[in-house]
All heavy atoms as atom14 arrays in JSON, in Angstrom:
{
  "sequence": "VANTLAAHLRPYDVIVRFGGDEFLCLCQGLVETDADTRLALVNSELA",
  "atom14_mask": [
    [1, 1, 1, 1, 1, 1, 1, 0, 0, 0, 0, 0, 0, 0],
    [1, 1, 1, 1, 1, 0, 0, 0, 0, 0, 0, 0, 0, 0],
    [1, 1, 1, 1, 1, 1, 1, 1, 0, 0, 0, 0, 0, 0],
    [1, 1, 1, 1, 1, 1, 1, 0, 0, 0, 0, 0, 0, 0],
    [1, 1, 1, 1, 1, 1, 1, 1, 0, 0, 0, 0, 0, 0],
    [1, 1, 1, 1, 1, 0, 0, 0, 0, 0, 0, 0, 0, 0],
    [1, 1, 1, 1, 1, 0, 0, 0, 0, 0, 0, 0, 0, 0],
    [1, 1, 1, 1, 1, 1, 1, 1, 1, 1, 0, 0, 0, 0],
    [1, 1, 1, 1, 1, 1, 1, 1, 0, 0, 0, 0, 0, 0],
    [1, 1, 1, 1, 1, 1, 1, 1, 1, 1, 1, 0, 0, 0],
    [1, 1, 1, 1, 1, 1, 1, 0, 0, 0, 0, 0, 0, 0],
    [1, 1, 1, 1, 1, 1, 1, 1, 1, 1, 1, 1, 0, 0],
    [1, 1, 1, 1, 1, 1, 1, 1, 0, 0, 0, 0, 0, 0],
    [1, 1, 1, 1, 1, 1, 1, 0, 0, 0, 0, 0, 0, 0],
    [1, 1, 1, 1, 1, 1, 1, 1, 0, 0, 0, 0, 0, 0],
    [1, 1, 1, 1, 1, 1, 1, 0, 0, 0, 0, 0, 0, 0],
    [1, 1, 1, 1, 1, 1, 1, 1, 1, 1, 1, 0, 0, 0],
    [1, 1, 1, 1, 1, 1, 1, 1, 1, 1, 1, 0, 0, 0],
    [1, 1, 1, 1, 0, 0, 0, 0, 0, 0, 0, 0, 0, 0],
    [1, 1, 1, 1, 0, 0, 0, 0, 0, 0, 0, 0, 0, 0],
    [1, 1, 1, 1, 1, 1, 1, 1, 0, 0, 0, 0, 0, 0],
    [1, 1, 1, 1, 1, 1, 1, 1, 1, 0, 0, 0, 0, 0],
    [1, 1, 1, 1, 1, 1, 1, 1, 1, 1, 1, 0, 0, 0],
    [1, 1, 1, 1, 1, 1, 1, 1, 0, 0, 0, 0, 0, 0],
    [1, 1, 1, 1, 1, 1, 0, 0, 0, 0, 0, 0, 0, 0],
    [1, 1, 1, 1, 1, 1, 1, 1, 0, 0, 0, 0, 0, 0],
    [1, 1, 1, 1, 1, 1, 0, 0, 0, 0, 0, 0, 0, 0],
    [1, 1, 1, 1, 1, 1, 1, 1, 1, 0, 0, 0, 0, 0],
    [1, 1, 1, 1, 0, 0, 0, 0, 0, 0, 0, 0, 0, 0],
    [1, 1, 1, 1, 1, 1, 1, 1, 0, 0, 0, 0, 0, 0],
    [1, 1, 1, 1, 1, 1, 1, 0, 0, 0, 0, 0, 0, 0],
    [1, 1, 1, 1, 1, 1, 1, 1, 1, 0, 0, 0, 0, 0],
    [1, 1, 1, 1, 1, 1, 1, 0, 0, 0, 0, 0, 0, 0],
    [1, 1, 1, 1, 1, 1, 1, 1, 0, 0, 0, 0, 0, 0],
    [1, 1, 1, 1, 1, 0, 0, 0, 0, 0, 0, 0, 0, 0],
    [1, 1, 1, 1, 1, 1, 1, 1, 0, 0, 0, 0, 0, 0],
    [1, 1, 1, 1, 1, 1, 1, 0, 0, 0, 0, 0, 0, 0],
    [1, 1, 1, 1, 1, 1, 1, 1, 1, 1, 1, 0, 0, 0],
    [1, 1, 1, 1, 1, 1, 1, 1, 0, 0, 0, 0, 0, 0],
    [1, 1, 1, 1, 1, 0, 0, 0, 0, 0, 0, 0, 0, 0],
    [1, 1, 1, 1, 1, 1, 1, 1, 0, 0, 0, 0, 0, 0],
    [1, 1, 1, 1, 1, 1, 1, 0, 0, 0, 0, 0, 0, 0],
    [1, 1, 1, 1, 1, 1, 1, 1, 0, 0, 0, 0, 0, 0],
    [1, 1, 1, 1, 1, 1, 0, 0, 0, 0, 0, 0, 0, 0],
    [1, 1, 1, 1, 1, 1, 1, 1, 1, 0, 0, 0, 0, 0],
    [1, 1, 1, 1, 1, 1, 1, 1, 0, 0, 0, 0, 0, 0],
    [1, 1, 1, 1, 1, 0, 0, 0, 0, 0, 0, 0, 0, 0]
  ],
  "atom14_positions": [
    [[-40.51, -21.61, 39.49], [-40.58, -21.37, 38.05], [-39.4, -22.02, 37.34], [-39.56, -22.72, 36.32], [-40.65, -19.86, 37.74], [-40.44, -19.6, 36.24], [-41.98, -19.28, 38.2], [0.0, 0.0, 0.0], [0.0, 0.0, 0.0], [0.0, 0.0, 0.0], [0.0, 0.0, 0.0], [0.0, 0.0, 0.0], [0.0, 0.0, 0.0], [0.0, 0.0, 0.0]],
    [[-38.18, -21.82, 37.86], [-36.98, -22.4, 37.24], [-37.08, -23.92, 37.2], [-36.75, -24.56, 36.18], [-35.73, -21.96, 37.99], [0.0, 0.0, 0.0], [0.0, 0.0, 0.0], [0.0, 0.0, 0.0], [0.0, 0.0, 0.0], [0.0, 0.0, 0.0], [0.0, 0.0, 0.0], [0.0, 0.0, 0.0], [0.0, 0.0, 0.0], [0.0, 0.0, 0.0]],
    [[-37.52, -24.53, 38.29], [-37.64, -25.99, 38.35], [-38.71, -26.51, 37.39], [-38.54, -27.56, 36.77], [-37.95, -26.44, 39.78], [-36.78, -26.27, 40.72], [-35.64, -26.15, 40.28], [-37.05, -26.24, 42.01], [0.0, 0.0, 0.0], [0.0, 0.0, 0.0], [0.0, 0.0, 0.0], [0.0, 0.0, 0.0], [0.0, 0.0, 0.0], [0.0, 0.0, 0.0]],
    [[-39.8, -25.77, 37.29], [-40.89, -26.2, 36.39], [-40.48, -26.06, 34.93], [-40.8, -26.92, 34.1], [-42.17, -25.38, 36.67], [-42.48, -25.44, 38.07], [-43.35, -25.94, 35.9], [0.0, 0.0, 0.0], [0.0, 0.0, 0.0], [0.0, 0.0, 0.0], [0.0, 0.0, 0.0], [0.0, 0.0, 0.0], [0.0, 0.0, 0.0], [0.0, 0.0, 0.0]],
    [[-39.76, -25.0, 34.61], [-39.22, -24.87, 33.25], [-38.3, -26.05, 32.93], [-38.4, -26.67, 31.86], [-38.44, -23.55, 33.11], [-39.26, -22.27, 33.02], [-38.36, -21.05, 33.16], [-40.05, -22.2, 31.7], [0.0, 0.0, 0.0], [0.0, 0.0, 0.0], [0.0, 0.0, 0.0], [0.0, 0.0, 0.0], [0.0, 0.0, 0.0], [0.0, 0.0, 0.0]],
    [[-37.4, -26.35, 33.85], [-36.45, -27.45, 33.62], [-37.17, -28.78, 33.48], [-36.75, -29.65, 32.7], [-35.45, -27.52, 34.78], [0.0, 0.0, 0.0], [0.0, 0.0, 0.0], [0.0, 0.0, 0.0], [0.0, 0.0, 0.0], [0.0, 0.0, 0.0], [0.0, 0.0, 0.0], [0.0, 0.0, 0.0], [0.0, 0.0, 0.0], [0.0, 0.0, 0.0]],
    [[-38.29, -28.95, 34.2], [-39.02, -30.22, 34.16], [-39.71, -30.44, 32.81], [-39.86, -31.58, 32.37], [-40.05, -30.27, 35.29], [0.0, 0.0, 0.0], [0.0, 0.0, 0.0], [0.0, 0.0, 0.0], [0.0, 0.0, 0.0], [0.0, 0.0, 0.0], [0.0, 0.0, 0.0], [0.0, 0.0, 0.0], [0.0, 0.0, 0.0], [0.0, 0.0, 0.0]],
    [[-40.14, -29.36, 32.16], [-40.92, -29.5, 30.93], [-40.12, -29.18, 29.67], [-40.6, -29.46, 28.55], [-42.17, -28.62, 31.01], [-43.17, -29.13, 32.0], [-43.95, -30.24, 31.78], [-43.49, -28.69, 33.25], [-44.73, -30.46, 32.82], [-44.45, -29.54, 33.74], [0.0, 0.0, 0.0], [0.0, 0.0, 0.0], [0.0, 0.0, 0.0], [0.0, 0.0, 0.0]],
    [[-38.93, -28.59, 29.82], [-38.03, -28.47, 28.68], [-37.14, -29.71, 28.64], [-37.21, -30.57, 29.5], [-37.2, -27.18, 28.79], [-38.02, -25.89, 28.71], [-37.12, -24.67, 28.93], [-38.75, -25.77, 27.36], [0.0, 0.0, 0.0], [0.0, 0.0, 0.0], [0.0, 0.0, 0.0], [0.0, 0.0, 0.0], [0.0, 0.0, 0.0], [0.0, 0.0, 0.0]],
    [[-36.28, -29.79, 27.65], [-35.41, -30.95, 27.51], [-34.14, -30.77, 28.34], [-33.76, -29.62, 28.64], [-35.07, -31.15, 26.03], [-36.31, -31.38, 25.17], [-36.03, -31.15, 23.71], [-35.53, -29.8, 23.47], [-35.14, -29.35, 22.29], [-35.19, -30.14, 21.23], [-34.69, -28.12, 22.16], [0.0, 0.0, 0.0], [0.0, 0.0, 0.0], [0.0, 0.0, 0.0]],
    [[-33.49, -31.86, 28.73], [-32.32, -31.74, 29.61], [-31.21, -30.87, 29.04], [-30.46, -30.25, 29.8], [-31.84, -33.2, 29.78], [-33.05, -34.03, 29.5], [-33.85, -33.27, 28.47], [0.0, 0.0, 0.0], [0.0, 0.0, 0.0], [0.0, 0.0, 0.0], [0.0, 0.0, 0.0], [0.0, 0.0, 0.0], [0.0, 0.0, 0.0], [0.0, 0.0, 0.0]],
    [[-31.1, -30.79, 27.71], [-30.01, -30.02, 27.11], [-30.43, -28.6, 26.73], [-29.63, -27.83, 26.19], [-29.44, -30.75, 25.88], [-30.49, -31.23, 24.9], [-30.97, -30.4, 23.91], [-30.98, -32.53, 24.97], [-31.92, -30.83, 23.02], [-31.93, -32.98, 24.08], [-32.41, -32.13, 23.1], [-33.37, -32.57, 22.22], [0.0, 0.0, 0.0], [0.0, 0.0, 0.0]],
    [[-31.69, -28.22, 26.96], [-32.08, -26.83, 26.76], [-31.44, -25.97, 27.85], [-31.26, -26.42, 28.98], [-33.6, -26.68, 26.82], [-34.28, -27.32, 25.61], [-33.67, -27.34, 24.53], [-35.43, -27.8, 25.76], [0.0, 0.0, 0.0], [0.0, 0.0, 0.0], [0.0, 0.0, 0.0], [0.0, 0.0, 0.0], [0.0, 0.0, 0.0], [0.0, 0.0, 0.0]],
    [[-31.08, -24.75, 27.49], [-30.36, -23.86, 28.4], [-31.33, -22.84, 29.01], [-32.05, -22.15, 28.28], [-29.22, -23.12, 27.66], [-28.51, -22.14, 28.59], [-28.23, -24.13, 27.07], [0.0, 0.0, 0.0], [0.0, 0.0, 0.0], [0.0, 0.0, 0.0], [0.0, 0.0, 0.0], [0.0, 0.0, 0.0], [0.0, 0.0, 0.0], [0.0, 0.0, 0.0]],
    [[-31.34, -22.77, 30.33], [-32.2, -21.82, 31.04], [-31.29, -20.77, 31.68], [-30.34, -21.09, 32.37], [-33.04, -22.52, 32.11], [-33.93, -23.59, 31.45], [-33.9, -21.51, 32.87], [-34.69, -24.44, 32.44], [0.0, 0.0, 0.0], [0.0, 0.0, 0.0], [0.0, 0.0, 0.0], [0.0, 0.0, 0.0], [0.0, 0.0, 0.0], [0.0, 0.0, 0.0]],
    [[-31.61, -19.51, 31.43], [-30.79, -18.39, 31.88], [-31.65, -17.47, 32.75], [-32.77, -17.12, 32.36], [-30.25, -17.57, 30.68], [-29.37, -16.43, 31.16], [-29.5, -18.48, 29.71], [0.0, 0.0, 0.0], [0.0, 0.0, 0.0], [0.0, 0.0, 0.0], [0.0, 0.0, 0.0], [0.0, 0.0, 0.0], [0.0, 0.0, 0.0], [0.0, 0.0, 0.0]],
    [[-31.15, -17.1, 33.92], [-31.83, -16.06, 34.69], [-31.35, -14.72, 34.14], [-30.25, -14.25, 34.4], [-31.53, -16.17, 36.17], [-32.39, -15.2, 36.98], [-32.23, -15.35, 38.46], [-33.06, -14.36, 39.16], [-32.98, -14.11, 40.46], [-32.12, -14.78, 41.22], [-33.75, -13.2, 41.0], [0.0, 0.0, 0.0], [0.0, 0.0, 0.0], [0.0, 0.0, 0.0]],
    [[-32.21, -14.09, 33.35], [-31.83, -12.91, 32.6], [-31.88, -11.65, 33.45], [-31.11, -10.72, 33.27], [-32.74, -12.78, 31.38], [-32.29, -11.77, 30.37], [-31.15, -11.99, 29.62], [-33.01, -10.6, 30.16], [-30.72, -11.05, 28.68], [-32.6, -9.67, 29.22], [-31.45, -9.9, 28.48], [0.0, 0.0, 0.0], [0.0, 0.0, 0.0], [0.0, 0.0, 0.0]],
    [[-32.85, -11.58, 34.36], [-33.0, -10.43, 35.24], [-33.67, -10.87, 36.52], [-33.76, -12.06, 36.82], [0.0, 0.0, 0.0], [0.0, 0.0, 0.0], [0.0, 0.0, 0.0], [0.0, 0.0, 0.0], [0.0, 0.0, 0.0], [0.0, 0.0, 0.0], [0.0, 0.0, 0.0], [0.0, 0.0, 0.0], [0.0, 0.0, 0.0], [0.0, 0.0, 0.0]],
    [[-34.18, -9.91, 37.29], [-34.77, -10.25, 38.57], [-35.9, -11.25, 38.46], [-35.96, -12.24, 39.21], [0.0, 0.0, 0.0], [0.0, 0.0, 0.0], [0.0, 0.0, 0.0], [0.0, 0.0, 0.0], [0.0, 0.0, 0.0], [0.0, 0.0, 0.0], [0.0, 0.0, 0.0], [0.0, 0.0, 0.0], [0.0, 0.0, 0.0], [0.0, 0.0, 0.0]],
    [[-36.86, -11.03, 37.54], [-37.99, -11.95, 37.38], [-38.1, -12.45, 35.95], [-39.18, -12.84, 35.49], [-39.3, -11.26, 37.8], [-39.58, -9.99, 36.99], [-38.71, -9.57, 36.2], [-40.68, -9.42, 37.17], [0.0, 0.0, 0.0], [0.0, 0.0, 0.0], [0.0, 0.0, 0.0], [0.0, 0.0, 0.0], [0.0, 0.0, 0.0], [0.0, 0.0, 0.0]],
    [[-36.99, -12.44, 35.23], [-36.98, -12.82, 33.82], [-36.02, -13.98, 33.57], [-34.93, -14.04, 34.15], [-36.56, -11.63, 32.95], [-37.5, -10.45, 33.05], [-36.94, -9.2, 32.41], [-35.68, -9.08, 32.33], [-37.73, -8.33, 32.0], [0.0, 0.0, 0.0], [0.0, 0.0, 0.0], [0.0, 0.0, 0.0], [0.0, 0.0, 0.0], [0.0, 0.0, 0.0]],
    [[-36.42, -14.88, 32.69], [-35.59, -16.01, 32.27], [-35.55, -16.05, 30.75], [-36.49, -15.6, 30.07], [-36.16, -17.34, 32.77], [-36.13, -17.51, 34.26], [-37.18, -17.07, 35.04], [-35.05, -18.14, 34.88], [-37.16, -17.24, 36.43], [-35.02, -18.31, 36.26], [-36.08, -17.86, 37.03], [0.0, 0.0, 0.0], [0.0, 0.0, 0.0], [0.0, 0.0, 0.0]],
    [[-34.46, -16.59, 30.22], [-34.38, -16.96, 28.81], [-34.25, -18.47, 28.73], [-33.56, -19.08, 29.55], [-33.16, -16.33, 28.13], [-33.11, -14.81, 27.96], [-31.81, -14.42, 27.26], [-34.31, -14.31, 27.16], [0.0, 0.0, 0.0], [0.0, 0.0, 0.0], [0.0, 0.0, 0.0], [0.0, 0.0, 0.0], [0.0, 0.0, 0.0], [0.0, 0.0, 0.0]],
    [[-34.89, -19.06, 27.73], [-34.74, -20.49, 27.48], [-34.26, -20.67, 26.05], [-34.9, -20.19, 25.1], [-36.06, -21.23, 27.68], [-36.79, -21.02, 29.32], [0.0, 0.0, 0.0], [0.0, 0.0, 0.0], [0.0, 0.0, 0.0], [0.0, 0.0, 0.0], [0.0, 0.0, 0.0], [0.0, 0.0, 0.0], [0.0, 0.0, 0.0], [0.0, 0.0, 0.0]],
    [[-33.12, -21.33, 25.88], [-32.53, -21.55, 24.56], [-32.82, -22.98, 24.16], [-32.34, -23.93, 24.79], [-31.02, -21.33, 24.59], [-30.49, -20.17, 25.46], [-28.98, -20.07, 25.35], [-31.15, -18.87, 25.07], [0.0, 0.0, 0.0], [0.0, 0.0, 0.0], [0.0, 0.0, 0.0], [0.0, 0.0, 0.0], [0.0, 0.0, 0.0], [0.0, 0.0, 0.0]],
    [[-33.61, -23.13, 23.09], [-34.11, -24.46, 22.7], [-33.63, -24.8, 21.3], [-34.27, -24.42, 20.3], [-35.62, -24.51, 22.79], [-36.29, -24.03, 24.41], [0.0, 0.0, 0.0], [0.0, 0.0, 0.0], [0.0, 0.0, 0.0], [0.0, 0.0, 0.0], [0.0, 0.0, 0.0], [0.0, 0.0, 0.0], [0.0, 0.0, 0.0], [0.0, 0.0, 0.0]],
    [[-32.52, -25.51, 21.2], [-31.95, -25.9, 19.91], [-32.78, -27.02, 19.3], [-33.16, -27.99, 19.96], [-30.51, -26.39, 20.12], [-29.75, -26.66, 18.84], [-29.33, -25.4, 18.11], [-29.82, -25.13, 17.02], [-28.41, -24.64, 18.67], [0.0, 0.0, 0.0], [0.0, 0.0, 0.0], [0.0, 0.0, 0.0], [0.0, 0.0, 0.0], [0.0, 0.0, 0.0]],
    [[-33.13, -26.85, 18.0], [-33.86, -27.89, 17.29], [-35.34, -27.92, 17.6], [-36.04, -28.87, 17.25], [0.0, 0.0, 0.0], [0.0, 0.0, 0.0], [0.0, 0.0, 0.0], [0.0, 0.0, 0.0], [0.0, 0.0, 0.0], [0.0, 0.0, 0.0], [0.0, 0.0, 0.0], [0.0, 0.0, 0.0], [0.0, 0.0, 0.0], [0.0, 0.0, 0.0]],
    [[-35.84, -26.88, 18.26], [-37.25, -26.83, 18.66], [-37.9, -25.64, 17.95], [-37.38, -24.53, 17.99], [-37.35, -26.64, 20.17], [-38.67, -27.03, 20.86], [-38.9, -28.53, 20.74], [-38.62, -26.63, 22.32], [0.0, 0.0, 0.0], [0.0, 0.0, 0.0], [0.0, 0.0, 0.0], [0.0, 0.0, 0.0], [0.0, 0.0, 0.0], [0.0, 0.0, 0.0]],
    [[-39.04, -25.88, 17.27], [-39.72, -24.79, 16.58], [-40.71, -24.15, 17.55], [-41.0, -24.67, 18.62], [-40.45, -25.29, 15.32], [-39.43, -25.83, 14.32], [-41.49, -26.35, 15.65], [0.0, 0.0, 0.0], [0.0, 0.0, 0.0], [0.0, 0.0, 0.0], [0.0, 0.0, 0.0], [0.0, 0.0, 0.0], [0.0, 0.0, 0.0], [0.0, 0.0, 0.0]],
    [[-41.27, -23.01, 17.14], [-42.09, -22.19, 18.03], [-43.31, -22.94, 18.55], [-43.65, -22.86, 19.73], [-42.51, -20.91, 17.31], [-43.28, -19.95, 18.19], [-43.53, -18.62, 17.5], [-42.89, -18.34, 16.46], [-44.38, -17.85, 18.01], [0.0, 0.0, 0.0], [0.0, 0.0, 0.0], [0.0, 0.0, 0.0], [0.0, 0.0, 0.0], [0.0, 0.0, 0.0]],
    [[-43.97, -23.7, 17.69], [-45.18, -24.41, 18.13], [-44.86, -25.46, 19.19], [-45.62, -25.64, 20.15], [-45.88, -25.07, 16.94], [-44.93, -25.89, 16.22], [-46.45, -24.03, 15.98], [0.0, 0.0, 0.0], [0.0, 0.0, 0.0], [0.0, 0.0, 0.0], [0.0, 0.0, 0.0], [0.0, 0.0, 0.0], [0.0, 0.0, 0.0], [0.0, 0.0, 0.0]],
    [[-43.72, -26.15, 19.02], [-43.32, -27.13, 20.03], [-43.01, -26.44, 21.36], [-43.35, -26.95, 22.43], [-42.09, -27.91, 19.56], [-42.4, -28.79, 18.36], [-43.57, -29.21, 18.23], [-41.49, -29.05, 17.56], [0.0, 0.0, 0.0], [0.0, 0.0, 0.0], [0.0, 0.0, 0.0], [0.0, 0.0, 0.0], [0.0, 0.0, 0.0], [0.0, 0.0, 0.0]],
    [[-42.33, -25.3, 21.29], [-42.01, -24.56, 22.51], [-43.29, -24.11, 23.21], [-43.4, -24.2, 24.44], [-41.14, -23.35, 22.17], [0.0, 0.0, 0.0], [0.0, 0.0, 0.0], [0.0, 0.0, 0.0], [0.0, 0.0, 0.0], [0.0, 0.0, 0.0], [0.0, 0.0, 0.0], [0.0, 0.0, 0.0], [0.0, 0.0, 0.0], [0.0, 0.0, 0.0]],
    [[-44.27, -23.65, 22.44], [-45.54, -23.21, 23.02], [-46.24, -24.36, 23.75], [-46.84, -24.17, 24.8], [-46.46, -22.64, 21.95], [-46.1, -21.2, 21.58], [-45.56, -20.49, 22.45], [-46.38, -20.78, 20.45], [0.0, 0.0, 0.0], [0.0, 0.0, 0.0], [0.0, 0.0, 0.0], [0.0, 0.0, 0.0], [0.0, 0.0, 0.0], [0.0, 0.0, 0.0]],
    [[-46.17, -25.55, 23.17], [-46.79, -26.72, 23.82], [-46.15, -26.99, 25.17], [-46.85, -27.23, 26.17], [-46.65, -27.96, 22.91], [-47.32, -27.72, 21.68], [-47.25, -29.19, 23.58], [0.0, 0.0, 0.0], [0.0, 0.0, 0.0], [0.0, 0.0, 0.0], [0.0, 0.0, 0.0], [0.0, 0.0, 0.0], [0.0, 0.0, 0.0], [0.0, 0.0, 0.0]],
    [[-44.85, -26.94, 25.23], [-44.15, -27.19, 26.5], [-44.42, -26.08, 27.51], [-44.6, -26.34, 28.7], [-42.65, -27.33, 26.24], [-42.28, -28.59, 25.45], [-40.8, -28.63, 25.1], [-40.48, -29.83, 24.34], [-40.13, -31.0, 24.88], [-40.05, -31.1, 26.2], [-39.86, -32.04, 24.12], [0.0, 0.0, 0.0], [0.0, 0.0, 0.0], [0.0, 0.0, 0.0]],
    [[-44.47, -24.84, 27.03], [-44.71, -23.72, 27.93], [-46.13, -23.73, 28.49], [-46.37, -23.3, 29.62], [-44.43, -22.4, 27.2], [-42.96, -22.19, 26.83], [-42.81, -21.06, 25.83], [-42.12, -21.91, 28.07], [0.0, 0.0, 0.0], [0.0, 0.0, 0.0], [0.0, 0.0, 0.0], [0.0, 0.0, 0.0], [0.0, 0.0, 0.0], [0.0, 0.0, 0.0]],
    [[-47.06, -24.24, 27.7], [-48.43, -24.39, 28.2], [-48.45, -25.37, 29.37], [-49.19, -25.17, 30.35], [-49.35, -24.86, 27.08], [0.0, 0.0, 0.0], [0.0, 0.0, 0.0], [0.0, 0.0, 0.0], [0.0, 0.0, 0.0], [0.0, 0.0, 0.0], [0.0, 0.0, 0.0], [0.0, 0.0, 0.0], [0.0, 0.0, 0.0], [0.0, 0.0, 0.0]],
    [[-47.66, -26.43, 29.29], [-47.56, -27.38, 30.4], [-46.95, -26.72, 31.63], [-47.35, -27.0, 32.77], [-46.73, -28.59, 29.97], [-47.34, -29.47, 28.88], [-46.33, -30.55, 28.45], [-48.63, -30.11, 29.37], [0.0, 0.0, 0.0], [0.0, 0.0, 0.0], [0.0, 0.0, 0.0], [0.0, 0.0, 0.0], [0.0, 0.0, 0.0], [0.0, 0.0, 0.0]],
    [[-45.97, -25.85, 31.41], [-45.35, -25.11, 32.52], [-46.41, -24.28, 33.23], [-46.55, -24.32, 34.46], [-44.2, -24.22, 32.02], [-43.71, -23.3, 33.14], [-43.05, -25.07, 31.51], [0.0, 0.0, 0.0], [0.0, 0.0, 0.0], [0.0, 0.0, 0.0], [0.0, 0.0, 0.0], [0.0, 0.0, 0.0], [0.0, 0.0, 0.0], [0.0, 0.0, 0.0]],
    [[-47.19, -23.52, 32.46], [-48.2, -22.66, 33.07], [-49.31, -23.48, 33.74], [-49.84, -23.08, 34.78], [-48.8, -21.71, 32.03], [-48.31, -20.29, 32.2], [-48.02, -19.85, 33.31], [-48.19, -19.57, 31.09], [0.0, 0.0, 0.0], [0.0, 0.0, 0.0], [0.0, 0.0, 0.0], [0.0, 0.0, 0.0], [0.0, 0.0, 0.0], [0.0, 0.0, 0.0]],
    [[-49.63, -24.61, 33.15], [-50.65, -25.47, 33.75], [-50.21, -25.97, 35.12], [-51.0, -25.99, 36.08], [-50.95, -26.65, 32.82], [-51.89, -27.52, 33.4], [0.0, 0.0, 0.0], [0.0, 0.0, 0.0], [0.0, 0.0, 0.0], [0.0, 0.0, 0.0], [0.0, 0.0, 0.0], [0.0, 0.0, 0.0], [0.0, 0.0, 0.0], [0.0, 0.0, 0.0]],
    [[-48.94, -26.36, 35.23], [-48.43, -26.83, 36.52], [-48.32, -25.69, 37.53], [-48.67, -25.85, 38.71], [-47.06, -27.5, 36.33], [-46.5, -28.08, 37.62], [-45.25, -28.91, 37.39], [-45.12, -29.49, 36.29], [-44.42, -28.98, 38.31], [0.0, 0.0, 0.0], [0.0, 0.0, 0.0], [0.0, 0.0, 0.0], [0.0, 0.0, 0.0], [0.0, 0.0, 0.0]],
    [[-47.85, -24.53, 37.08], [-47.72, -23.39, 37.99], [-49.07, -22.92, 38.5], [-49.19, -22.4, 39.61], [-47.0, -22.24, 37.29], [-45.51, -22.43, 36.97], [-45.0, -21.27, 36.12], [-44.7, -22.55, 38.25], [0.0, 0.0, 0.0], [0.0, 0.0, 0.0], [0.0, 0.0, 0.0], [0.0, 0.0, 0.0], [0.0, 0.0, 0.0], [0.0, 0.0, 0.0]],
    [[-50.12, -23.11, 37.7], [-51.45, -22.64, 38.09], [-51.94, -23.31, 39.36], [-52.76, -22.74, 40.09], [-52.44, -22.88, 36.95], [0.0, 0.0, 0.0], [0.0, 0.0, 0.0], [0.0, 0.0, 0.0], [0.0, 0.0, 0.0], [0.0, 0.0, 0.0], [0.0, 0.0, 0.0], [0.0, 0.0, 0.0], [0.0, 0.0, 0.0], [0.0, 0.0, 0.0]]
  ]
}
């Protein structure tokens, strides 16, 4: 999951392991719709 997030987010986005099975992704300059598009790609690859 961490590698797939990193692959589909931008190199300067910050990925945080927030808890046991939880992550935070900090995306500067990215609006919600753009984030949703990238996250859909993450889920598509994980599937």
